[in-house]
Amino acid sequence: MINKAELNLVNNWDKTFPLSDKVEHSKVTFVNRYGFTLAADMYVPKGAEGKLPAIAVSGPFGAVKEQCSGLYAQTMAERGFLTIAFDPSFTGESSGEPRYMASPDINTEDFQAAVDFLSLNDRVDPDRIGIIGICGWGGMAINVAALDTRIKATVASTMYDMTRVNANGYFDSEDSEESRYDRKVALNAQRLEDLKAGNYKLGGGVIDPLPEDAPYFVKDYHAYYKTPRGYHERSLNSNGGWNAIGCMSFMNQPILKYSNEIRSAVMVMHGDKAHSFYFGKDAYDNMVKGNKYADNKELLVIPGASHTDLYDGGENKDRIPFDKLQEFFEKYL
């Protein structure tokens, strides 16, 4: 058995949502192929018998499992699925040094390690495993679906393509060789500054206090990450953010290149008022273009929903279409 690191896991309930009386909750750990030990919350429907369909959940990019990935996981467990919400490598309660780094490869592997864990769990039917990725982890989920043939169904919720936004900026506003070169110069200079300082400079989480002239999407993030609605002490976005050089390799790594070869079922779920809607629309279009297995692909548009409305349901907690998610996973798992 591959050795796991001893993690300092919090045992009291410290989520941004209440514990449901319809599920059994426990902390679990598992190891990815790089040897990092990942921490997860497992939710099992109370009274469930036999081997269950299972779903692994992660995201948003820079969040922790105590935020919306845990909400998704618990809610889907209430609906009959064994679920886990996990912290990616280098973040939350999971291991990985230095902290607050991201990697297209390692973070893809994190999802595959979650599938490993579920496949070997005595309570799980290994032929009925799905995944949910939220925000930046929505793009990762599609990437994993293109790689891991064990996954039968994937949902990408309010997704980002992290390679695209790192290379091109928001709304592709910096999509030029000159802009990319300037950012590379700055990032490579920062590498040396970090080494000389002996620590990694943080890039900054969601800005606080919020400037009056902040763009809409910044206000949307602030309303979640910087208020009691979604703040968590271990969340990068709620606090100091990723390392300034933490996402550097995403600039040269198009993670969705082979998405139109995915055979399993995929649903891209996005609000039409989200600043990130273009990521979801384009990812869906590219996924079905020339795909011999397009019939099990779906773009679900949520009218009036912002980006963070699909984090926790928004103001009235009703924006996440969990009935649709349940129907999708029951059909394909």
Protein backbone atom coordinates (compact mmCIF):
# COMPACT_ATOMS: atom_id res chain seq x y z
CA MET A 1 0.00 0.00 0.00
CA ILE A 2 1.32 3.44 -0.92
CA ASN A 3 2.09 5.36 2.24
CA LYS A 4 -0.14 8.29 3.14
CA ALA A 5 1.04 11.39 4.99
CA GLU A 6 -0.41 12.16 8.38
CA LEU A 7 -2.70 15.13 7.86
CA ASN A 8 -3.93 17.48 10.55
CA LEU A 9 -7.63 17.18 9.76
CA VAL A 10 -10.29 19.32 11.41
CA ASN A 11 -12.92 17.06 12.98
CA ASN A 12 -15.55 19.63 13.91
CA TRP A 13 -18.07 20.82 11.31
CA ASP A 14 -16.53 23.95 9.76
CA LYS A 15 -18.42 24.19 6.45
CA THR A 16 -20.18 27.18 4.95
CA PHE A 17 -23.39 25.14 4.83
CA PRO A 18 -25.27 23.17 7.53
CA LEU A 19 -24.85 19.43 8.01
CA SER A 20 -27.74 17.46 6.56
CA ASP A 21 -29.53 14.91 8.72
CA LYS A 22 -29.98 12.74 5.61
CA VAL A 23 -26.31 11.78 5.24
CA GLU A 24 -23.44 10.17 7.13
CA HIS A 25 -20.31 12.33 7.04
CA SER A 26 -16.68 11.36 7.58
CA LYS A 27 -13.18 12.52 6.70
CA VAL A 28 -11.12 10.35 4.33
CA THR A 29 -7.69 10.54 2.69
CA PHE A 30 -6.14 9.07 -0.42
CA VAL A 31 -2.88 9.35 -2.37
CA ASN A 32 -2.28 10.53 -5.93
CA ARG A 33 0.44 9.17 -8.21
CA TYR A 34 2.82 11.95 -7.16
CA GLY A 35 2.60 10.76 -3.56
CA PHE A 36 0.56 13.69 -2.28
CA THR A 37 -2.08 12.82 0.28
CA LEU A 38 -5.45 14.40 -0.43
CA ALA A 39 -8.09 15.17 2.19
CA ALA A 40 -11.78 14.75 1.45
CA ASP A 41 -15.18 14.81 3.08
CA MET A 42 -17.25 11.72 2.30
CA TYR A 43 -21.03 11.83 2.32
CA VAL A 44 -23.13 8.64 2.30
CA PRO A 45 -26.95 8.53 2.15
CA LYS A 46 -28.27 7.38 5.52
CA GLY A 47 -29.71 3.89 5.41
CA ALA A 48 -28.26 3.14 1.97
CA GLU A 49 -27.57 -0.51 1.23
CA GLY A 50 -25.55 -2.29 -1.41
CA LYS A 51 -22.98 -0.77 -3.74
CA LEU A 52 -23.76 2.83 -4.63
CA PRO A 53 -23.09 5.07 -7.60
CA ALA A 54 -20.42 7.60 -6.63
CA ILE A 55 -19.39 11.15 -7.50
CA ALA A 56 -16.14 13.03 -6.78
CA VAL A 57 -16.44 16.82 -6.53
CA SER A 58 -13.88 19.61 -6.48
CA GLY A 59 -13.65 23.34 -7.06
CA PRO A 60 -13.84 26.24 -7.46
CA PHE A 61 -10.26 27.11 -8.32
CA GLY A 62 -8.85 28.54 -5.10
CA ALA A 63 -11.69 27.27 -2.88
CA VAL A 64 -11.79 24.44 -0.36
CA LYS A 65 -14.08 21.47 0.21
CA GLU A 66 -15.78 23.28 3.07
CA GLN A 67 -17.30 25.66 0.52
CA CYS A 68 -19.40 24.82 -2.53
CA SER A 69 -17.84 21.49 -3.55
CA GLY A 70 -18.96 20.16 -0.18
CA LEU A 71 -22.43 21.59 -0.71
CA TYR A 72 -22.69 19.81 -4.08
CA ALA A 73 -21.36 16.58 -2.58
CA GLN A 74 -23.71 16.61 0.41
CA THR A 75 -26.74 17.47 -1.72
CA MET A 76 -26.02 14.68 -4.21
CA ALA A 77 -25.58 12.27 -1.29
CA GLU A 78 -29.03 13.25 -0.09
CA ARG A 79 -30.21 12.09 -3.51
CA GLY A 80 -28.70 8.63 -3.31
CA PHE A 81 -25.05 8.91 -4.36
CA LEU A 82 -21.93 8.24 -2.31
CA THR A 83 -19.87 11.39 -2.75
CA ILE A 84 -16.55 12.94 -1.82
CA ALA A 85 -15.50 16.59 -1.95
CA PHE A 86 -11.72 16.91 -1.93
CA ASP A 87 -9.05 19.56 -1.56
CA PRO A 88 -6.60 19.59 -4.48
CA SER A 89 -2.86 19.15 -3.93
CA PHE A 90 -1.11 22.11 -2.26
CA THR A 91 -4.37 23.52 -0.86
CA GLY A 92 -6.78 23.16 2.05
CA GLU A 93 -6.14 20.14 4.24
CA SER A 94 -4.37 18.20 1.49
CA SER A 95 -0.60 17.81 1.40
CA GLY A 96 1.86 19.20 -1.12
CA GLU A 97 4.74 21.62 -0.70
CA PRO A 98 5.21 24.43 -1.42
CA ARG A 99 1.70 25.53 -0.63
CA TYR A 100 -0.65 27.33 -3.02
CA MET A 101 0.74 26.03 -6.29
CA ALA A 102 -1.35 24.77 -9.22
CA SER A 103 -0.47 22.38 -12.03
CA PRO A 104 -2.49 21.25 -15.07
CA ASP A 105 -0.96 17.79 -14.69
CA ILE A 106 -1.06 17.34 -10.92
CA ASN A 107 -4.56 18.78 -10.61
CA THR A 108 -5.80 16.46 -13.35
CA GLU A 109 -4.21 13.61 -11.41
CA ASP A 110 -6.02 14.74 -8.25
CA PHE A 111 -9.35 13.93 -9.88
CA GLN A 112 -8.03 10.58 -11.13
CA ALA A 113 -6.82 9.74 -7.63
CA ALA A 114 -10.32 10.47 -6.36
CA VAL A 115 -11.66 8.00 -8.92
CA ASP A 116 -9.06 5.47 -7.70
CA PHE A 117 -10.30 5.90 -4.15
CA LEU A 118 -13.94 5.51 -5.09
CA SER A 119 -13.24 2.51 -7.34
CA LEU A 120 -11.67 0.63 -4.43
CA ASN A 121 -14.25 1.62 -1.83
CA ASP A 122 -16.35 -1.33 -0.65
CA ARG A 123 -19.54 0.73 -0.75
CA VAL A 124 -19.10 1.91 -4.36
CA ASP A 125 -20.01 0.27 -7.66
CA PRO A 126 -16.78 0.92 -9.64
CA ASP A 127 -18.70 0.91 -12.92
CA ARG A 128 -20.89 3.83 -11.80
CA ILE A 129 -18.52 6.70 -11.03
CA GLY A 130 -18.96 10.34 -12.05
CA ILE A 131 -17.32 13.68 -11.28
CA ILE A 132 -18.38 17.29 -10.79
CA GLY A 133 -15.95 20.17 -11.32
CA ILE A 134 -16.86 23.73 -10.36
CA CYS A 135 -15.34 26.91 -11.84
CA GLY A 136 -11.70 26.21 -12.78
CA TRP A 137 -12.24 22.62 -11.77
CA GLY A 138 -15.02 22.42 -14.35
CA GLY A 139 -12.39 22.72 -17.05
CA MET A 140 -10.25 20.22 -15.20
CA ALA A 141 -13.20 17.82 -15.03
CA ILE A 142 -13.61 17.92 -18.82
CA ASN A 143 -9.89 17.31 -19.18
CA VAL A 144 -10.13 14.32 -16.83
CA ALA A 145 -13.13 12.97 -18.73
CA ALA A 146 -10.99 12.96 -21.87
CA LEU A 147 -8.30 10.93 -20.08
CA ASP A 148 -9.99 8.63 -17.56
CA THR A 149 -12.17 5.97 -19.20
CA ARG A 150 -13.51 4.85 -15.82
CA ILE A 151 -15.58 8.04 -15.53
CA LYS A 152 -19.11 7.49 -16.86
CA ALA A 153 -20.55 10.98 -16.37
CA THR A 154 -19.12 14.47 -15.85
CA VAL A 155 -20.66 17.82 -14.90
CA ALA A 156 -18.73 21.06 -15.41
CA SER A 157 -20.49 23.78 -13.43
CA THR A 158 -19.93 27.53 -14.05
CA MET A 159 -16.61 26.47 -15.59
CA TYR A 160 -13.38 28.26 -16.36
CA ASP A 161 -10.75 27.11 -18.82
CA MET A 162 -7.75 27.98 -16.65
CA THR A 163 -5.29 27.62 -19.51
CA ARG A 164 -7.24 30.08 -21.64
CA VAL A 165 -7.67 32.72 -18.95
CA ASN A 166 -4.00 32.51 -17.95
CA ALA A 167 -2.83 32.80 -21.55
CA ASN A 168 -5.38 35.33 -22.82
CA GLY A 169 -6.64 37.22 -19.78
CA TYR A 170 -10.29 37.75 -18.96
CA PHE A 171 -12.59 37.87 -21.99
CA ASP A 172 -9.51 37.17 -24.18
CA SER A 173 -8.61 40.85 -23.79
CA GLU A 174 -4.86 40.09 -23.64
CA ASP A 175 -4.73 37.50 -26.40
CA SER A 176 -1.55 38.60 -28.13
CA GLU A 177 2.07 37.52 -28.27
CA GLU A 178 3.12 40.85 -26.77
CA SER A 179 0.81 40.58 -23.77
CA ARG A 180 1.82 37.00 -23.06
CA TYR A 181 5.50 37.89 -23.37
CA ASP A 182 5.15 40.76 -20.89
CA ARG A 183 3.43 38.48 -18.36
CA LYS A 184 6.12 35.83 -18.81
CA VAL A 185 8.84 38.41 -18.19
CA ALA A 186 7.12 39.49 -14.97
CA LEU A 187 6.55 35.93 -13.78
CA ASN A 188 10.12 34.85 -14.44
CA ALA A 189 11.39 37.91 -12.60
CA GLN A 190 9.12 36.98 -9.69
CA ARG A 191 10.66 33.51 -9.56
CA LEU A 192 14.04 35.07 -8.76
CA GLU A 193 12.55 37.48 -6.25
CA ASP A 194 10.92 34.54 -4.44
CA LEU A 195 14.19 32.63 -4.30
CA LYS A 196 16.09 35.62 -2.97
CA ALA A 197 13.39 36.29 -0.38
CA GLY A 198 13.19 32.66 0.67
CA ASN A 199 9.42 32.50 0.31
CA TYR A 200 6.73 32.74 -2.32
CA LYS A 201 4.86 36.00 -2.82
CA LEU A 202 1.10 35.58 -2.80
CA GLY A 203 -0.81 36.87 -5.79
CA GLY A 204 -3.71 38.10 -3.67
CA GLY A 205 -7.18 36.67 -3.27
CA VAL A 206 -10.41 38.52 -3.97
CA ILE A 207 -9.84 42.22 -3.44
CA ASP A 208 -11.11 43.66 -0.16
CA PRO A 209 -12.33 46.28 0.53
CA LEU A 210 -14.22 46.38 -2.73
CA PRO A 211 -13.58 49.49 -4.88
CA GLU A 212 -16.70 51.31 -6.04
CA ASP A 213 -15.63 50.94 -9.67
CA ALA A 214 -14.90 47.21 -9.40
CA PRO A 215 -16.08 45.18 -12.42
CA TYR A 216 -19.26 43.17 -12.01
CA PHE A 217 -17.46 39.81 -11.82
CA VAL A 218 -15.19 41.09 -9.01
CA LYS A 219 -18.26 42.19 -7.07
CA ASP A 220 -19.74 38.74 -7.70
CA TYR A 221 -16.67 37.05 -6.26
CA HIS A 222 -16.51 39.44 -3.30
CA ALA A 223 -20.13 38.71 -2.40
CA TYR A 224 -19.22 35.04 -2.02
CA TYR A 225 -15.62 34.77 -0.83
CA LYS A 226 -15.40 37.84 1.40
CA THR A 227 -18.71 37.64 3.24
CA PRO A 228 -20.22 35.13 5.68
CA ARG A 229 -21.99 33.61 2.68
CA GLY A 230 -18.84 31.81 1.55
CA TYR A 231 -15.76 32.94 3.50
CA HIS A 232 -13.50 30.18 4.82
CA GLU A 233 -10.19 30.55 6.62
CA ARG A 234 -8.45 27.94 4.42
CA SER A 235 -9.79 29.25 1.11
CA LEU A 236 -7.14 30.88 -1.06
CA ASN A 237 -9.69 33.16 -2.72
CA SER A 238 -11.05 34.27 0.66
CA ASN A 239 -7.54 35.19 1.82
CA GLY A 240 -4.12 35.71 0.17
CA GLY A 241 -4.69 33.79 -3.04
CA TRP A 242 -2.37 31.54 -5.01
CA ASN A 243 1.35 32.17 -5.17
CA ALA A 244 2.10 34.83 -7.76
CA ILE A 245 3.87 32.20 -9.89
CA GLY A 246 1.49 29.42 -8.83
CA CYS A 247 -0.41 29.13 -12.12
CA MET A 248 2.43 29.94 -14.51
CA SER A 249 2.48 26.62 -16.39
CA PHE A 250 -1.17 26.98 -17.40
CA MET A 251 -0.11 29.55 -20.00
CA ASN A 252 1.37 26.83 -22.25
CA GLN A 253 -1.06 23.97 -21.48
CA PRO A 254 -4.35 23.81 -23.43
CA ILE A 255 -6.17 21.31 -21.21
CA LEU A 256 -9.22 20.89 -23.47
CA LYS A 257 -7.42 19.88 -26.67
CA TYR A 258 -8.93 16.37 -26.87
CA SER A 259 -12.33 17.12 -25.38
CA ASN A 260 -14.04 16.19 -28.67
CA GLU A 261 -12.84 12.62 -28.16
CA ILE A 262 -14.77 12.14 -24.90
CA ARG A 263 -17.10 9.15 -25.21
CA SER A 264 -18.77 9.37 -21.81
CA ALA A 265 -21.61 11.71 -20.87
CA VAL A 266 -20.81 15.36 -20.13
CA MET A 267 -23.06 18.21 -19.05
CA VAL A 268 -21.77 21.78 -19.10
CA MET A 269 -23.91 23.87 -16.75
CA HIS A 270 -23.65 27.66 -16.80
CA GLY A 271 -25.60 30.79 -15.93
CA ASP A 272 -26.20 33.17 -18.82
CA LYS A 273 -25.38 36.18 -16.60
CA ALA A 274 -22.01 34.74 -15.56
CA HIS A 275 -18.93 36.61 -16.75
CA SER A 276 -17.48 33.15 -17.43
CA PHE A 277 -20.34 32.01 -19.69
CA TYR A 278 -18.10 32.17 -22.77
CA PHE A 279 -15.87 29.45 -21.29
CA GLY A 280 -18.80 27.07 -20.94
CA LYS A 281 -20.31 27.79 -24.35
CA ASP A 282 -17.00 27.44 -26.17
CA ALA A 283 -16.02 24.31 -24.23
CA TYR A 284 -19.31 22.66 -25.16
CA ASP A 285 -19.04 23.67 -28.83
CA ASN A 286 -15.48 22.34 -29.05
CA MET A 287 -16.43 19.14 -27.25
CA VAL A 288 -19.21 18.18 -29.68
CA LYS A 289 -17.50 19.37 -32.88
CA GLY A 290 -16.52 16.26 -34.83
CA ASN A 291 -17.27 14.04 -31.83
CA LYS A 292 -18.74 10.66 -32.78
CA TYR A 293 -20.23 10.53 -29.27
CA ALA A 294 -22.00 13.90 -29.17
CA ASP A 295 -25.43 12.51 -28.33
CA ASN A 296 -24.66 12.27 -24.61
CA LYS A 297 -23.33 15.83 -24.34
CA GLU A 298 -25.47 18.70 -23.03
CA LEU A 299 -25.21 22.45 -22.47
CA LEU A 300 -27.56 23.44 -19.63
CA VAL A 301 -28.05 27.21 -19.45
CA ILE A 302 -29.46 28.66 -16.22
CA PRO A 303 -31.34 31.89 -17.09
CA GLY A 304 -30.36 34.87 -14.96
CA ALA A 305 -27.67 33.05 -12.96
CA SER A 306 -24.32 34.69 -12.25
CA HIS A 307 -21.03 32.85 -11.84
CA THR A 308 -21.27 32.47 -8.07
CA ASP A 309 -25.00 31.71 -8.13
CA LEU A 310 -23.90 28.20 -9.11
CA TYR A 311 -21.53 28.08 -6.13
CA ASP A 312 -24.24 27.99 -3.47
CA GLY A 313 -27.55 28.66 -5.20
CA GLY A 314 -27.39 32.45 -4.98
CA GLU A 315 -29.50 34.74 -2.82
CA ASN A 316 -32.50 32.42 -2.65
CA LYS A 317 -30.42 29.19 -2.73
CA ASP A 318 -32.38 27.94 -5.74
CA ARG A 319 -30.07 28.54 -8.72
CA ILE A 320 -28.30 25.16 -8.75
CA PRO A 321 -30.58 22.73 -10.62
CA PHE A 322 -29.95 19.71 -8.42
CA ASP A 323 -32.98 17.94 -9.91
CA LYS A 324 -31.26 18.14 -13.31
CA LEU A 325 -28.00 16.90 -11.84
CA GLN A 326 -29.75 13.97 -10.22
CA GLU A 327 -31.54 13.11 -13.47
CA PHE A 328 -28.27 13.31 -15.43
CA PHE A 329 -26.29 11.09 -13.09
CA GLU A 330 -29.10 8.59 -12.65
CA LYS A 331 -29.31 8.26 -16.43
CA TYR A 332 -25.59 7.73 -17.04
CA LEU A 333 -24.49 6.02 -13.82
